[in-house]
């Protein structure tokens, strides 16, 4: 090989080595392909709407499609487990829920609620309430408690299931007011609503105002008290349980955006900024107001602090009332 050929051979070899070296290629910017958002509840209904709204906001802001993956089961635990075990590459996100704060206190769960997730932003809270059939003999919380005290264990009330937020709220109220109600747990809300409308049960602890509002407005149901910490904007005349004499009793199902633990701080912060801006758009605010949900986007730090506080609070409540998941 002559000197000229040797020179070009060495130059080509050096360039090839450099190009193949770790870090020689700049990584493709994130995101450069579709993302997935796990919704740990079935398609349809308010929860799915929250997830799909978040997916639309992210897709519009980041310029990549976001595929919604409904992973229902075990009151949200199945989907949350899938999120916790997904690769922490910023391409799998998920709708987080109050289940993170309650489930581990009710029984074993396949994830660590505080270590296995990146908390990006709270999104919304929903307004649960106590409502009743029009023929139920109480119209206020005070009247309900008086009625129940005279009939220990004989006043039936429905919930979407054992250890759901409405059930926990009902147990808190019974302990605080010194009453004993008869729990009738359902598998979800469809049959529960039908039985309430038909008068099969007279009293119901609802998981969300949206489920009851059309029937309340039509006079087919009547509101007794809001379970949340504040009056519901769509039923401003209905007092909360706290206003009715029990200031420590409130429960608000919440839903946020999360990811597996380990995504980069840059990814986390970018997604949080996207949600904080996007959730304040007029059409988004109107969409959630229509289902009785209040928009509450936050910074990652504020959301993580909120989840940790909720975890402690619900742990204390669940231990005090002595409830376990079925």
Protein backbone atom coordinates (compact mmCIF):
# COMPACT_ATOMS: atom_id res chain seq x y z
CA UNK A 1 0.00 0.00 0.00
CA UNK A 2 1.53 3.34 -1.04
CA UNK A 3 1.65 6.37 1.23
CA UNK A 4 -1.37 8.05 -0.35
CA UNK A 5 -3.55 4.92 -0.05
CA UNK A 6 -2.37 4.39 3.51
CA UNK A 7 -3.34 7.98 4.41
CA UNK A 8 -6.92 7.55 3.16
CA UNK A 9 -7.24 4.13 4.80
CA UNK A 10 -6.25 5.56 8.20
CA UNK A 11 -8.57 8.57 7.75
CA UNK A 12 -11.58 6.38 6.86
CA UNK A 13 -10.84 4.02 9.75
CA UNK A 14 -10.65 6.93 12.20
CA UNK A 15 -13.95 8.40 10.99
CA UNK A 16 -15.64 5.03 11.20
CA UNK A 17 -14.38 4.55 14.74
CA UNK A 18 -15.59 7.99 15.81
CA UNK A 19 -19.02 7.49 14.27
CA UNK A 20 -19.41 4.18 16.02
CA UNK A 21 -18.26 5.43 19.39
CA UNK A 22 -20.72 5.78 22.25
CA UNK A 23 -22.20 9.27 22.29
CA UNK A 24 -20.92 10.07 18.81
CA UNK A 25 -24.50 10.08 17.48
CA UNK A 26 -26.78 12.68 19.02
CA UNK A 27 -29.85 10.98 20.43
CA UNK A 28 -33.08 11.69 18.60
CA UNK A 29 -35.06 14.40 20.38
CA UNK A 30 -37.92 13.30 22.63
CA UNK A 31 -40.56 12.54 21.61
CA UNK A 32 -39.92 11.23 18.11
CA UNK A 33 -42.74 8.69 17.89
CA UNK A 34 -46.16 7.95 19.39
CA UNK A 35 -46.75 7.91 23.14
CA UNK A 36 -49.12 5.71 25.13
CA UNK A 37 -51.36 6.82 27.97
CA UNK A 38 -52.73 4.08 30.25
CA UNK A 39 -56.19 4.72 31.68
CA UNK A 40 -56.79 2.25 34.55
CA UNK A 41 -60.56 2.22 34.01
CA UNK A 42 -62.93 1.06 31.24
CA UNK A 43 -63.71 3.09 28.11
CA UNK A 44 -66.56 5.57 28.43
CA UNK A 45 -67.55 7.54 31.49
CA UNK A 46 -65.94 10.49 33.25
CA UNK A 47 -62.60 8.83 34.03
CA UNK A 48 -62.02 7.85 30.42
CA UNK A 49 -62.92 11.39 29.37
CA UNK A 50 -60.21 12.76 31.68
CA UNK A 51 -57.61 10.42 30.18
CA UNK A 52 -58.57 11.17 26.59
CA UNK A 53 -58.58 14.90 27.24
CA UNK A 54 -55.06 14.65 28.67
CA UNK A 55 -53.96 12.59 25.66
CA UNK A 56 -55.31 15.22 23.27
CA UNK A 57 -53.53 18.05 25.10
CA UNK A 58 -50.20 16.17 25.07
CA UNK A 59 -50.51 15.21 21.40
CA UNK A 60 -51.27 18.79 20.33
CA UNK A 61 -48.37 20.22 22.35
CA UNK A 62 -45.70 17.63 21.53
CA UNK A 63 -46.65 16.93 17.92
CA UNK A 64 -46.89 13.16 18.35
CA UNK A 65 -49.98 10.93 18.61
CA UNK A 66 -50.93 9.66 22.06
CA UNK A 67 -52.68 6.28 22.10
CA UNK A 68 -55.07 5.67 25.00
CA UNK A 69 -54.77 2.17 26.48
CA UNK A 70 -57.65 1.26 28.82
CA UNK A 71 -56.41 -1.26 31.41
CA UNK A 72 -59.39 -1.74 33.72
CA UNK A 73 -59.48 -4.05 36.72
CA UNK A 74 -59.28 -4.19 40.51
CA UNK A 75 -60.53 -0.61 41.01
CA UNK A 76 -57.65 0.82 39.02
CA UNK A 77 -54.85 -1.37 40.42
CA UNK A 78 -54.36 -3.34 37.17
CA UNK A 79 -53.69 -0.24 35.10
CA UNK A 80 -51.52 1.39 37.74
CA UNK A 81 -49.40 -1.77 37.94
CA UNK A 82 -48.94 -1.70 34.16
CA UNK A 83 -47.82 1.92 34.41
CA UNK A 84 -45.39 1.22 37.26
CA UNK A 85 -43.74 -1.61 35.28
CA UNK A 86 -43.51 0.22 31.93
CA UNK A 87 -40.11 1.35 30.59
CA UNK A 88 -39.20 4.78 32.04
CA UNK A 89 -38.44 6.27 28.63
CA UNK A 90 -41.05 9.02 28.57
CA UNK A 91 -43.22 7.21 26.05
CA UNK A 92 -45.60 5.51 28.50
CA UNK A 93 -47.74 7.78 30.65
CA UNK A 94 -50.78 7.04 32.74
CA UNK A 95 -53.77 8.45 34.50
CA UNK A 96 -53.08 8.22 38.22
CA UNK A 97 -55.91 8.21 40.74
CA UNK A 98 -56.78 8.34 44.41
CA UNK A 99 -56.37 4.54 44.31
CA UNK A 100 -52.62 5.19 44.76
CA UNK A 101 -53.36 6.74 48.15
CA UNK A 102 -55.86 4.15 49.38
CA UNK A 103 -55.15 0.72 47.88
CA UNK A 104 -52.00 -0.20 49.80
CA UNK A 105 -53.79 0.42 53.11
CA UNK A 106 -56.61 -1.93 52.13
CA UNK A 107 -54.52 -4.94 51.11
CA UNK A 108 -51.40 -5.99 49.16
CA UNK A 109 -50.75 -4.20 45.87
CA UNK A 110 -48.14 -5.11 43.22
CA UNK A 111 -46.41 -1.71 43.29
CA UNK A 112 -45.01 0.80 45.74
CA UNK A 113 -47.42 3.77 45.63
CA UNK A 114 -44.77 6.38 46.44
CA UNK A 115 -41.65 4.96 44.76
CA UNK A 116 -42.80 3.37 41.51
CA UNK A 117 -44.29 6.46 39.85
CA UNK A 118 -43.25 9.87 38.61
CA UNK A 119 -45.93 12.36 39.60
CA UNK A 120 -46.28 14.92 36.81
CA UNK A 121 -49.41 16.98 37.51
CA UNK A 122 -52.73 16.72 39.23
CA UNK A 123 -55.50 17.18 36.65
CA UNK A 124 -58.99 17.23 38.15
CA UNK A 125 -61.04 16.41 41.21
CA UNK A 126 -64.60 15.15 41.08
CA UNK A 127 -67.42 16.04 43.44
CA UNK A 128 -68.99 13.04 45.19
CA UNK A 129 -72.21 13.44 47.11
CA UNK A 130 -74.95 11.77 49.11
CA UNK A 131 -78.24 11.62 47.23
CA UNK A 132 -81.53 9.85 47.75
CA UNK A 133 -84.78 8.75 46.16
CA UNK A 134 -87.41 11.52 46.37
CA UNK A 135 -89.45 9.40 48.82
CA UNK A 136 -86.58 9.01 51.27
CA UNK A 137 -87.77 10.65 54.51
CA UNK A 138 -84.74 12.92 55.01
CA UNK A 139 -83.82 16.01 53.01
CA UNK A 140 -80.68 17.16 54.84
CA UNK A 141 -77.74 15.47 56.49
CA UNK A 142 -79.05 16.41 59.93
CA UNK A 143 -82.41 14.80 59.14
CA UNK A 144 -80.65 11.72 57.76
CA UNK A 145 -78.62 11.28 60.94
CA UNK A 146 -81.69 11.71 63.15
CA UNK A 147 -83.60 9.19 61.05
CA UNK A 148 -80.72 6.68 61.10
CA UNK A 149 -80.18 6.97 64.86
CA UNK A 150 -83.76 5.87 65.42
CA UNK A 151 -83.25 2.86 63.12
CA UNK A 152 -79.77 1.42 63.76
CA UNK A 153 -78.70 -0.95 61.00
CA UNK A 154 -81.97 -0.61 59.09
CA UNK A 155 -81.27 2.25 56.68
CA UNK A 156 -79.74 0.82 53.50
CA UNK A 157 -77.27 2.80 51.43
CA UNK A 158 -75.56 1.92 48.18
CA UNK A 159 -72.02 2.51 46.96
CA UNK A 160 -70.08 1.47 43.82
CA UNK A 161 -68.32 -1.18 45.91
CA UNK A 162 -66.45 -2.09 49.07
CA UNK A 163 -63.47 0.15 49.86
CA UNK A 164 -64.36 2.70 47.18
CA UNK A 165 -64.12 6.36 48.13
CA UNK A 166 -67.91 6.65 48.66
CA UNK A 167 -67.81 3.64 50.99
CA UNK A 168 -64.90 5.11 52.94
CA UNK A 169 -66.80 8.40 53.26
CA UNK A 170 -69.88 6.57 54.52
CA UNK A 171 -67.84 4.73 57.13
CA UNK A 172 -66.26 8.00 58.27
CA UNK A 173 -69.69 9.59 58.66
CA UNK A 174 -71.09 6.66 60.61
CA UNK A 175 -68.16 6.72 63.02
CA UNK A 176 -68.36 10.48 63.52
CA UNK A 177 -72.15 10.68 63.87
CA UNK A 178 -72.61 7.52 65.91
CA UNK A 179 -75.00 5.90 63.47
CA UNK A 180 -75.15 2.48 61.89
CA UNK A 181 -76.23 2.16 58.25
CA UNK A 182 -76.59 -1.03 56.20
CA UNK A 183 -74.10 -1.11 53.31
CA UNK A 184 -75.31 -2.45 49.96
CA UNK A 185 -72.20 -2.63 47.73
CA UNK A 186 -72.64 -2.78 43.95
CA UNK A 187 -70.22 -3.66 41.18
CA UNK A 188 -70.06 -0.19 39.71
CA UNK A 189 -72.69 2.47 39.23
CA UNK A 190 -75.12 1.31 36.53
CA UNK A 191 -77.23 -1.11 38.58
CA UNK A 192 -76.86 1.08 41.65
CA UNK A 193 -78.40 4.05 39.83
CA UNK A 194 -81.22 1.91 38.47
CA UNK A 195 -82.06 0.56 41.93
CA UNK A 196 -81.94 4.03 43.45
CA UNK A 197 -84.28 5.44 40.81
CA UNK A 198 -86.63 2.49 41.31
CA UNK A 199 -86.64 2.91 45.09
CA UNK A 200 -85.03 -0.48 45.75
CA UNK A 201 -82.59 1.45 47.94
CA UNK A 202 -83.35 4.89 49.26
CA UNK A 203 -79.91 6.34 49.89
CA UNK A 204 -76.71 6.48 47.88
CA UNK A 205 -73.13 7.66 48.35
CA UNK A 206 -72.20 8.72 44.82
CA UNK A 207 -68.66 8.66 43.46
CA UNK A 208 -69.25 11.64 41.18
CA UNK A 209 -71.74 14.43 40.82
CA UNK A 210 -71.92 13.82 37.08
CA UNK A 211 -73.65 10.49 37.65
CA UNK A 212 -76.45 12.06 39.66
CA UNK A 213 -76.83 15.56 38.22
CA UNK A 214 -79.22 14.80 35.32
CA UNK A 215 -81.54 12.88 37.66
CA UNK A 216 -81.34 15.58 40.33
CA UNK A 217 -82.26 18.26 37.80
CA UNK A 218 -85.15 16.13 36.56
CA UNK A 219 -86.45 15.62 40.12
CA UNK A 220 -85.85 11.88 40.06
CA UNK A 221 -83.25 12.13 42.86
CA UNK A 222 -82.59 14.66 45.61
CA UNK A 223 -79.20 15.78 46.95
CA UNK A 224 -78.50 15.44 50.67
CA UNK A 225 -74.91 16.68 51.06
CA UNK A 226 -71.69 17.12 49.08
CA UNK A 227 -68.91 14.80 50.27
CA UNK A 228 -66.08 17.01 48.95
CA UNK A 229 -64.32 19.72 50.91
CA UNK A 230 -66.14 22.51 49.06
CA UNK A 231 -69.57 23.01 47.59
CA UNK A 232 -69.94 21.78 44.03
CA UNK A 233 -70.16 24.66 41.52
CA UNK A 234 -73.01 22.92 39.72
CA UNK A 235 -75.01 22.46 42.95
CA UNK A 236 -74.03 25.54 44.94
CA UNK A 237 -77.12 25.35 47.15
CA UNK A 238 -76.18 21.93 48.57
CA UNK A 239 -73.97 22.10 51.71
CA UNK A 240 -70.99 19.86 52.35
CA UNK A 241 -70.78 17.28 55.13
CA UNK A 242 -68.23 19.57 56.78
CA UNK A 243 -70.67 22.49 56.75
CA UNK A 244 -73.30 20.22 58.23
CA UNK A 245 -71.35 19.69 61.44
CA UNK A 246 -68.59 17.21 60.59
CA UNK A 247 -65.58 19.30 59.52
CA UNK A 248 -63.11 16.41 59.31
CA UNK A 249 -65.15 14.43 56.79
CA UNK A 250 -64.43 15.06 53.13
CA UNK A 251 -63.38 12.91 50.22
CA UNK A 252 -62.63 14.01 46.69
CA UNK A 253 -61.61 11.49 44.05
CA UNK A 254 -58.71 12.97 42.08
CA UNK A 255 -56.98 12.09 38.85
CA UNK A 256 -53.53 13.13 37.70
CA UNK A 257 -50.89 12.44 35.10
CA UNK A 258 -48.06 10.09 35.98
CA UNK A 259 -45.29 7.98 34.50
CA UNK A 260 -43.06 5.16 35.68
CA UNK A 261 -40.35 6.18 38.13
CA UNK A 262 -37.16 7.06 36.30
CA UNK A 263 -38.19 9.33 33.43
CA UNK A 264 -35.93 12.34 33.09
CA UNK A 265 -36.56 15.55 34.98
CA UNK A 266 -36.72 17.33 31.62
CA UNK A 267 -39.48 15.01 30.39
CA UNK A 268 -41.39 15.35 33.65
CA UNK A 269 -41.20 19.14 33.66
CA UNK A 270 -42.10 19.45 29.98
CA UNK A 271 -45.19 17.27 30.43
CA UNK A 272 -46.22 19.19 33.53
CA UNK A 273 -45.91 22.51 31.71
CA UNK A 274 -48.00 21.13 28.86
CA UNK A 275 -50.75 20.01 31.22
CA UNK A 276 -50.77 23.18 33.31
CA UNK A 277 -51.22 25.26 30.17
CA UNK A 278 -53.53 22.92 28.28
CA UNK A 279 -55.91 22.24 31.18
CA UNK A 280 -56.66 25.96 31.43
CA UNK A 281 -57.97 26.24 27.87
CA UNK A 282 -61.56 27.44 27.77
CA UNK A 283 -62.90 24.38 25.96
CA UNK A 284 -61.20 22.05 28.46
CA UNK A 285 -62.58 23.96 31.44
CA UNK A 286 -66.07 23.84 29.93
CA UNK A 287 -65.78 20.13 29.14
CA UNK A 288 -64.93 19.24 32.74
CA UNK A 289 -67.44 21.66 34.23
CA UNK A 290 -70.11 19.82 32.25
CA UNK A 291 -69.31 16.59 34.10
CA UNK A 292 -68.98 18.19 37.52
CA UNK A 293 -65.18 18.00 37.68
CA UNK A 294 -62.88 20.82 38.76
CA UNK A 295 -59.58 21.41 36.96
CA UNK A 296 -56.57 21.41 39.33
CA UNK A 297 -53.27 21.26 37.35
CA UNK A 298 -50.12 21.54 39.48
CA UNK A 299 -46.34 21.43 39.33
CA UNK A 300 -44.68 18.01 39.76
CA UNK A 301 -43.42 19.00 43.21
CA UNK A 302 -46.86 20.11 44.37
CA UNK A 303 -48.50 16.98 42.97
CA UNK A 304 -46.03 14.65 44.67
CA UNK A 305 -46.50 16.46 47.99
CA UNK A 306 -50.27 16.18 47.55
CA UNK A 307 -50.12 12.43 46.84
CA UNK A 308 -47.90 11.82 49.87
CA UNK A 309 -50.28 13.79 52.09
CA UNK A 310 -53.25 11.86 50.71
CA UNK A 311 -51.43 8.57 51.32
CA UNK A 312 -50.90 9.45 54.98
CA UNK A 313 -54.42 10.77 55.46
CA UNK A 314 -56.19 7.78 53.96
CA UNK A 315 -53.94 5.37 55.81
CA UNK A 316 -55.04 6.92 59.08
CA UNK A 317 -58.70 6.86 58.07
CA UNK A 318 -58.65 3.25 56.90
CA UNK A 319 -56.87 2.03 60.02
CA UNK A 320 -59.31 3.94 62.21
CA UNK A 321 -62.44 2.50 60.60
CA UNK A 322 -60.91 -0.95 60.18
CA UNK A 323 -61.88 -1.64 56.58
CA UNK A 324 -60.20 -4.07 54.18
CA UNK A 325 -60.62 -4.64 50.47
CA UNK A 326 -62.71 -7.71 49.55
